[in-house]
Protein backbone atom coordinates (compact mmCIF):
# COMPACT_ATOMS: atom_id res chain seq x y z
CA MET A 1 0.00 0.00 0.00
CA SER A 2 1.50 3.35 -1.00
CA GLU A 3 1.92 6.26 1.36
CA THR A 4 -0.37 9.27 0.92
CA PRO A 5 1.68 12.13 -0.56
CA GLN A 6 2.42 15.06 1.73
CA TRP A 7 2.88 18.57 0.38
CA GLU A 8 4.44 21.85 1.35
CA TYR A 9 2.96 25.08 0.05
CA ARG A 10 4.27 28.49 -0.87
CA VAL A 11 2.36 31.74 -1.43
CA LEU A 12 3.67 34.95 -2.96
CA THR A 13 1.88 38.21 -3.75
CA ILE A 14 3.66 40.49 -6.21
CA GLY A 15 2.87 43.78 -7.89
CA GLY A 16 1.26 46.93 -6.65
CA THR A 17 -1.38 49.55 -7.17
CA PHE A 18 -0.42 50.00 -10.81
CA GLY A 19 -0.48 46.29 -11.65
CA THR A 20 1.96 43.47 -12.10
CA LYS A 21 4.24 43.09 -15.08
CA ASP A 22 4.17 39.79 -16.93
CA GLU A 23 7.94 39.62 -16.54
CA GLN A 24 7.58 39.61 -12.73
CA ILE A 25 5.13 36.72 -12.84
CA GLU A 26 7.23 34.79 -15.34
CA ALA A 27 10.42 35.26 -13.31
CA ALA A 28 8.76 34.05 -10.10
CA LEU A 29 7.27 31.00 -11.83
CA ASN A 30 10.57 30.12 -13.53
CA ASP A 31 12.52 30.45 -10.26
CA TRP A 32 10.01 28.33 -8.39
CA GLY A 33 9.97 25.72 -11.16
CA LEU A 34 13.72 25.28 -10.79
CA GLU A 35 13.14 24.63 -7.07
CA GLY A 36 10.50 21.98 -7.80
CA TRP A 37 7.41 24.09 -7.07
CA ASP A 38 4.24 23.61 -9.14
CA ALA A 39 1.88 26.61 -9.37
CA ILE A 40 -1.60 25.39 -8.50
CA HIS A 41 -3.46 28.70 -8.35
CA VAL A 42 -2.84 32.25 -9.56
CA TYR A 43 -5.31 35.01 -8.81
CA THR A 44 -5.69 38.77 -8.47
CA PRO A 45 -7.02 39.97 -5.12
CA SER A 46 -9.98 42.25 -5.75
CA GLN A 47 -8.96 45.63 -7.20
CA SER A 48 -5.41 45.36 -5.82
CA GLY A 49 -3.37 45.34 -9.04
CA LYS A 50 -1.39 42.50 -7.45
CA VAL A 51 -1.10 38.83 -8.36
CA THR A 52 -0.99 36.03 -5.79
CA ILE A 53 0.65 32.73 -6.72
CA VAL A 54 0.06 29.53 -4.73
CA ALA A 55 2.38 26.58 -5.35
CA LYS A 56 3.08 23.16 -3.90
CA ARG A 57 5.77 20.50 -4.03
CA PRO A 58 6.26 17.14 -2.35
CA LEU A 59 7.26 17.52 1.28
CA SER A 60 10.94 16.71 1.76
CA ALA A 61 12.20 14.55 4.62
CA SER A 62 13.91 17.57 6.24
CA ALA A 63 10.71 19.63 6.05
CA ARG A 64 8.77 16.82 7.74
CA ARG A 65 10.95 17.26 10.80
CA ARG A 66 9.98 20.91 11.14
CA SER A 67 6.97 21.92 13.19
CA ALA A 68 3.62 21.69 11.44
CA TRP A 69 2.69 25.22 12.55
CA PRO A 70 4.79 28.28 11.72
CA GLY A 71 6.34 29.90 14.78
CA GLN A 72 6.23 26.79 16.98
């Protein structure tokens, strides 16, 4: 029986009041892709001009040893 995959997630909001350049989005996605991240959702918070990217990748053995809750 195979083990259920575990994931780690990453969220980044880029841009500003005057929008987000395609080059900024592309650079972030390319950098994350090299690190093994897979973008699973990209959205624009209401009337912000920003873009939020949500990504995931398989949880590494070293990350499993860290606390499940940030700051603990």
